[in-house]
Amino acid sequence: MPIFPASRSILVTGAGGLLGGEVLAAWQGGCKLYALVRRMPEKPLEGVYYIVMDLAAPLEPGRLPARIDAVIHLAQSSHMRDFPDAALDICAVNTTSTAQLLDWAMRAGAEHFFFASTGGLYAPSSIALTEDSPLDPQRGSLGYYFDTKRCAEILVRAYQEQMRTVVLRPFFIYGPRQRESMLIPRLIDSVRTGNALTLRGGQGTKLNPIFVNDAVNALAACLADDAPKLLNLAGPEVLSIRDIALHIGAIVGREPLFDEQEGEADCLVADISLLKQRLSAPMTSCRDGIATVVGSMESNL
């Protein structure tokens, strides 16, 4: 539960996504929650005030609350890889909506503004990335998406004297009911169906994914006045794709298949020293988190 009393109000954008949905479920009843969504959910949560609004279009401040205490801006374009065809959508949702929400939040009296950026902004590194590590995102299909997130970070930083702003850089958030196109569900499906996983360097990318409940706890902890202005969101275990696949195989009872290729594997590992200082409860192990996701996927078969 957030540390705000029930009289306080919070607006969550991207509330139809994995993290946004879990924030609503965890904080439901603890404060006045507004959820900004592209479409109404099939099962709306009781006590949550839903606002249907597409952030690819200009913000409609008149449909938002007159007063707000905190904004949790988690929305991102669903067309992140579709540059240049969806460039205007990507920029509108990731950057323009951030500028508009910052202006509205300040005028509505917000004390806190959280912005979900991405850990993909960091320059490639063989060591764990701290919040002070240099930025130089890789290009390719996600290059424009990274640029729009970086632009939005700069806009958020400009409001530090008006509100307590926190920029979050997530690294592979996963959890139940996540879209099948995301990393952990894709790996689960590949192991379960017997599709070979490509592993560069024999191990594949190294990363430390974070279970969604831990990310929710981090958001709640950051509502404190002494929250850092920039925070990596990642998990407690550094694993390769091979490691994760073996965890999955043990859970689903099927030996994973690998296509081992030459070359050096990528390393996308975040230093979470600051995050661990904020959390009072132990973080979820990869094995336990993956088991929860497997159970959720099997229940939908």
Protein backbone atom coordinates (compact mmCIF):
# COMPACT_ATOMS: atom_id res chain seq x y z
CA MET A 1 0.00 0.00 0.00
CA PRO A 2 1.21 3.53 -0.68
CA ILE A 3 2.19 5.70 2.23
CA PHE A 4 -0.39 8.31 1.23
CA PRO A 5 -3.52 8.45 3.42
CA ALA A 6 -6.91 7.66 1.88
CA SER A 7 -7.62 11.36 1.38
CA ARG A 8 -4.74 11.68 -1.12
CA SER A 9 -5.17 11.12 -4.85
CA ILE A 10 -2.92 9.46 -7.44
CA LEU A 11 -3.23 9.34 -11.24
CA VAL A 12 -1.70 6.30 -12.98
CA THR A 13 -1.16 6.36 -16.75
CA GLY A 14 -0.53 3.15 -18.65
CA ALA A 15 -2.88 1.57 -16.14
CA GLY A 16 -3.79 -1.17 -18.61
CA GLY A 17 -0.21 -2.45 -18.74
CA LEU A 18 1.56 -4.96 -16.51
CA LEU A 19 3.03 -2.52 -13.97
CA GLY A 20 0.09 -0.12 -14.07
CA GLY A 21 -2.42 -2.89 -13.51
CA GLU A 22 -0.49 -4.27 -10.54
CA VAL A 23 -0.19 -0.78 -9.04
CA LEU A 24 -3.98 -0.42 -9.15
CA ALA A 25 -4.52 -3.88 -7.65
CA ALA A 26 -1.99 -3.31 -4.86
CA TRP A 27 -3.05 0.24 -3.95
CA GLN A 28 -6.80 -0.24 -4.43
CA GLY A 29 -8.62 1.13 -1.40
CA GLY A 30 -5.51 2.74 0.06
CA CYS A 31 -6.02 6.13 -1.60
CA LYS A 32 -8.09 7.76 -4.33
CA LEU A 33 -6.89 6.21 -7.58
CA TYR A 34 -7.43 7.56 -11.09
CA ALA A 35 -6.48 5.21 -13.94
CA LEU A 36 -5.82 6.63 -17.39
CA VAL A 37 -6.39 3.87 -19.97
CA ARG A 38 -6.82 3.56 -23.75
CA ARG A 39 -9.86 1.35 -23.24
CA MET A 40 -11.95 0.22 -20.28
CA PRO A 41 -10.82 -3.10 -18.76
CA GLU A 42 -13.16 -6.08 -18.91
CA LYS A 43 -13.16 -6.22 -15.12
CA PRO A 44 -12.78 -2.70 -13.67
CA LEU A 45 -11.48 -2.56 -10.12
CA GLU A 46 -13.91 -1.31 -7.53
CA GLY A 47 -13.06 2.13 -6.20
CA VAL A 48 -10.79 3.04 -9.14
CA TYR A 49 -11.83 6.02 -11.28
CA TYR A 50 -11.13 5.16 -14.92
CA ILE A 51 -10.48 7.81 -17.57
CA VAL A 52 -10.39 6.58 -21.17
CA MET A 53 -7.89 8.71 -23.06
CA ASP A 54 -5.40 8.00 -25.84
CA LEU A 55 -2.12 9.76 -25.09
CA ALA A 56 -1.24 9.68 -28.78
CA ALA A 57 -3.78 12.52 -29.06
CA PRO A 58 -3.53 15.88 -27.29
CA LEU A 59 -4.15 15.70 -23.54
CA GLU A 60 -7.63 16.74 -22.39
CA PRO A 61 -6.98 18.43 -19.00
CA GLY A 62 -10.68 19.17 -18.54
CA ARG A 63 -11.34 15.44 -18.17
CA LEU A 64 -8.67 15.02 -15.51
CA PRO A 65 -9.10 15.75 -11.78
CA ALA A 66 -8.91 19.38 -10.75
CA ARG A 67 -6.50 18.42 -7.97
CA ILE A 68 -3.98 15.58 -7.72
CA ASP A 69 -1.26 14.65 -5.24
CA ALA A 70 0.88 12.32 -7.36
CA VAL A 71 1.23 11.22 -10.97
CA ILE A 72 2.66 7.81 -11.89
CA HIS A 73 3.34 8.13 -15.64
CA LEU A 74 3.86 4.57 -16.91
CA ALA A 75 2.33 4.84 -20.38
CA GLN A 76 4.46 4.11 -23.42
CA SER A 77 3.76 3.67 -27.09
CA SER A 78 2.79 0.14 -28.08
CA HIS A 79 4.46 0.81 -31.45
CA MET A 80 7.93 1.27 -29.99
CA ARG A 81 9.62 -0.81 -32.71
CA ASP A 82 7.65 0.64 -35.63
CA PHE A 83 9.92 3.51 -36.63
CA PRO A 84 9.55 5.39 -38.92
CA ASP A 85 5.97 4.32 -39.67
CA ALA A 86 4.74 5.07 -36.14
CA ALA A 87 7.17 7.86 -35.29
CA LEU A 88 4.43 10.37 -34.45
CA ASP A 89 2.67 7.90 -32.13
CA ILE A 90 5.92 7.01 -30.36
CA CYS A 91 6.85 10.66 -29.84
CA ALA A 92 3.33 11.69 -28.80
CA VAL A 93 2.94 8.99 -26.14
CA ASN A 94 6.51 8.96 -24.83
CA THR A 95 7.46 12.63 -24.99
CA THR A 96 4.60 15.01 -25.82
CA SER A 97 2.22 13.46 -23.29
CA THR A 98 4.95 13.75 -20.65
CA ALA A 99 5.28 17.49 -21.30
CA GLN A 100 1.51 17.92 -21.12
CA LEU A 101 1.12 15.82 -17.96
CA LEU A 102 3.93 17.71 -16.22
CA ASP A 103 2.19 21.01 -16.93
CA TRP A 104 -1.18 19.69 -15.79
CA ALA A 105 0.27 18.02 -12.68
CA MET A 106 1.99 21.24 -11.58
CA ARG A 107 -1.22 23.24 -12.06
CA ALA A 108 -3.23 20.56 -10.24
CA GLY A 109 -0.98 20.82 -7.18
CA ALA A 110 0.92 17.55 -7.53
CA GLU A 111 3.68 16.91 -5.02
CA HIS A 112 5.14 13.87 -6.83
CA PHE A 113 5.67 12.98 -10.48
CA PHE A 114 7.10 9.58 -11.46
CA PHE A 115 8.16 8.83 -15.03
CA ALA A 116 8.92 5.34 -16.32
CA SER A 117 11.82 5.60 -18.75
CA THR A 118 13.97 2.60 -19.76
CA GLY A 119 17.25 0.97 -18.83
CA GLY A 120 17.95 0.79 -22.54
CA LEU A 121 19.31 4.34 -22.43
CA TYR A 122 22.63 3.25 -20.94
CA ALA A 123 25.72 2.64 -23.04
CA PRO A 124 26.60 -1.06 -23.38
CA SER A 125 28.76 -2.21 -20.48
CA SER A 126 30.32 -5.42 -19.21
CA ILE A 127 29.76 -4.29 -15.60
CA ALA A 128 26.59 -3.45 -13.71
CA LEU A 129 25.09 -0.11 -14.72
CA THR A 130 24.62 2.47 -11.98
CA GLU A 131 22.37 5.50 -12.23
CA ASP A 132 25.52 7.51 -13.02
CA SER A 133 26.67 5.29 -15.90
CA PRO A 134 27.03 7.02 -19.29
CA LEU A 135 24.09 7.07 -21.68
CA ASP A 136 24.50 5.92 -25.27
CA PRO A 137 21.62 3.67 -26.30
CA GLN A 138 21.97 1.19 -29.10
CA ARG A 139 20.26 2.06 -32.36
CA GLY A 140 18.34 -0.35 -34.54
CA SER A 141 14.56 -0.67 -34.36
CA LEU A 142 14.39 0.81 -30.85
CA GLY A 143 16.68 3.79 -31.40
CA TYR A 144 13.90 6.33 -31.90
CA TYR A 145 11.99 4.94 -28.91
CA PHE A 146 15.10 5.43 -26.73
CA ASP A 147 15.47 9.00 -28.02
CA THR A 148 11.88 9.89 -27.08
CA LYS A 149 12.34 8.45 -23.59
CA ARG A 150 15.54 10.45 -23.11
CA CYS A 151 13.81 13.64 -24.24
CA ALA A 152 11.02 12.98 -21.73
CA GLU A 153 13.58 12.47 -18.93
CA ILE A 154 15.02 15.91 -19.66
CA LEU A 155 11.54 17.45 -19.45
CA VAL A 156 10.87 15.74 -16.11
CA ARG A 157 14.18 17.01 -14.72
CA ALA A 158 13.16 20.58 -15.56
CA TYR A 159 10.30 20.34 -13.03
CA GLN A 160 12.43 19.29 -10.04
CA GLU A 161 11.83 22.61 -8.28
CA GLN A 162 8.07 22.43 -8.83
CA MET A 163 7.51 18.79 -7.79
CA ARG A 164 9.40 15.83 -6.34
CA THR A 165 10.23 14.04 -9.56
CA VAL A 166 11.53 10.49 -9.91
CA VAL A 167 12.73 8.99 -13.18
CA LEU A 168 12.59 5.18 -13.16
CA ARG A 169 14.72 3.10 -15.52
CA PRO A 170 13.22 -0.41 -15.61
CA PHE A 171 15.16 -3.50 -16.70
CA PHE A 172 12.87 -6.29 -17.91
CA ILE A 173 9.85 -6.12 -15.61
CA TYR A 174 7.92 -9.39 -15.79
CA GLY A 175 4.88 -10.92 -14.13
CA PRO A 176 1.60 -12.77 -14.62
CA ARG A 177 -0.77 -11.69 -17.40
CA GLN A 178 2.10 -10.03 -19.26
CA ARG A 179 1.88 -9.74 -23.05
CA GLU A 180 3.17 -12.89 -24.76
CA SER A 181 5.54 -10.81 -26.89
CA MET A 182 7.62 -9.81 -23.85
CA LEU A 183 10.86 -11.56 -22.91
CA ILE A 184 9.95 -13.95 -20.08
CA PRO A 185 6.64 -15.15 -21.62
CA ARG A 186 8.45 -15.69 -24.94
CA LEU A 187 11.14 -17.77 -23.24
CA ILE A 188 8.51 -19.81 -21.39
CA ASP A 189 6.62 -20.48 -24.62
CA SER A 190 9.82 -21.47 -26.45
CA VAL A 191 10.88 -23.95 -23.75
CA ARG A 192 7.42 -25.42 -23.44
CA THR A 193 6.99 -25.88 -27.22
CA GLY A 194 10.52 -27.13 -27.86
CA ASN A 195 11.78 -24.19 -29.92
CA ALA A 196 15.55 -23.76 -29.69
CA LEU A 197 16.78 -20.56 -28.04
CA THR A 198 19.65 -18.74 -29.73
CA LEU A 199 22.55 -18.21 -27.33
CA ARG A 200 25.46 -16.02 -28.34
CA GLY A 201 28.64 -17.05 -26.57
CA GLY A 202 26.96 -20.18 -25.24
CA GLN A 203 25.06 -18.32 -22.51
CA GLY A 204 23.09 -15.52 -24.14
CA THR A 205 22.40 -12.07 -22.76
CA LYS A 206 23.04 -11.48 -19.05
CA LEU A 207 20.35 -9.52 -17.21
CA ASN A 208 18.61 -9.12 -13.87
CA PRO A 209 14.85 -9.00 -14.51
CA ILE A 210 12.53 -7.66 -11.81
CA PHE A 211 9.24 -9.25 -10.76
CA VAL A 212 6.35 -6.81 -11.06
CA ASN A 213 5.41 -6.93 -7.36
CA ASP A 214 8.90 -5.71 -6.45
CA ALA A 215 8.54 -2.84 -8.93
CA VAL A 216 5.23 -1.89 -7.29
CA ASN A 217 6.89 -1.91 -3.87
CA ALA A 218 9.63 0.35 -5.23
CA LEU A 219 7.04 2.85 -6.48
CA ALA A 220 5.36 2.92 -3.08
CA ALA A 221 8.70 3.46 -1.34
CA CYS A 222 9.50 6.36 -3.68
CA LEU A 223 6.46 8.29 -2.45
CA ALA A 224 8.65 9.24 0.51
CA ASP A 225 10.06 12.75 0.42
CA ASP A 226 13.68 11.56 0.32
CA ALA A 227 13.28 9.42 -2.80
CA PRO A 228 16.15 9.53 -5.33
CA LYS A 229 15.54 11.53 -8.50
CA LEU A 230 16.75 8.63 -10.66
CA LEU A 231 16.36 4.93 -9.88
CA ASN A 232 17.15 1.67 -11.65
CA LEU A 233 14.42 -0.97 -11.39
CA ALA A 234 15.93 -4.44 -11.71
CA GLY A 235 16.01 -7.74 -9.86
CA PRO A 236 18.39 -9.27 -7.30
CA GLU A 237 19.83 -12.07 -9.50
CA VAL A 238 22.12 -11.79 -12.52
CA LEU A 239 21.19 -14.54 -14.96
CA SER A 240 21.93 -15.47 -18.55
CA ILE A 241 19.23 -16.50 -21.00
CA ARG A 242 20.50 -20.06 -20.53
CA ASP A 243 20.05 -19.76 -16.75
CA ILE A 244 16.50 -18.48 -17.14
CA ALA A 245 15.63 -21.19 -19.66
CA LEU A 246 16.93 -23.88 -17.29
CA HIS A 247 14.75 -22.42 -14.49
CA ILE A 248 11.78 -22.57 -16.85
CA GLY A 249 12.60 -26.11 -17.92
CA ALA A 250 12.70 -27.31 -14.32
CA ILE A 251 9.28 -25.75 -13.69
CA VAL A 252 7.51 -26.98 -16.84
CA GLY A 253 9.28 -30.36 -16.89
CA ARG A 254 10.94 -30.00 -20.27
CA GLU A 255 14.62 -29.73 -21.16
CA PRO A 256 15.23 -26.47 -23.07
CA LEU A 257 16.87 -26.60 -26.48
CA PHE A 258 19.67 -24.22 -27.41
CA ASP A 259 21.25 -22.98 -30.63
CA GLU A 260 24.69 -21.92 -29.47
CA GLN A 261 26.42 -19.31 -31.63
CA GLU A 262 29.84 -17.71 -31.62
CA GLY A 263 30.36 -14.18 -30.40
CA GLU A 264 30.20 -12.23 -27.17
CA ALA A 265 26.88 -12.14 -25.34
CA ASP A 266 25.31 -8.82 -24.39
CA CYS A 267 25.26 -7.66 -20.76
CA LEU A 268 22.21 -5.66 -19.59
CA VAL A 269 22.66 -5.72 -15.84
CA ALA A 270 21.62 -2.88 -13.53
CA ASP A 271 23.23 -1.99 -10.23
CA ILE A 272 20.35 -1.91 -7.73
CA SER A 273 22.14 -0.56 -4.66
CA LEU A 274 19.81 2.46 -4.48
CA LEU A 275 16.73 0.30 -5.00
CA LYS A 276 17.64 -2.10 -2.19
CA GLN A 277 17.96 0.87 0.17
CA ARG A 278 14.30 1.73 -0.54
CA LEU A 279 12.81 -1.75 -0.09
CA SER A 280 12.06 -3.23 3.31
CA ALA A 281 10.95 -6.70 2.11
CA PRO A 282 13.13 -9.28 0.32
CA MET A 283 12.88 -9.23 -3.46
CA THR A 284 11.32 -12.09 -5.41
CA SER A 285 13.68 -14.80 -6.64
CA CYS A 286 13.73 -15.50 -10.36
CA ARG A 287 12.59 -19.09 -9.77
CA ASP A 288 9.55 -17.99 -7.74
CA GLY A 289 8.68 -15.19 -10.16
CA ILE A 290 8.91 -17.43 -13.22
CA ALA A 291 6.80 -20.10 -11.51
CA THR A 292 4.08 -17.48 -10.99
CA VAL A 293 4.18 -16.48 -14.65
CA VAL A 294 4.12 -20.11 -15.82
CA GLY A 295 1.07 -20.74 -13.63
CA SER A 296 -0.67 -17.69 -15.07
CA MET A 297 0.06 -18.75 -18.66
CA GLU A 298 -1.10 -22.33 -18.05
CA SER A 299 -4.36 -21.12 -16.54
CA ASN A 300 -5.08 -19.30 -19.82
CA LEU A 301 -4.45 -22.32 -22.07
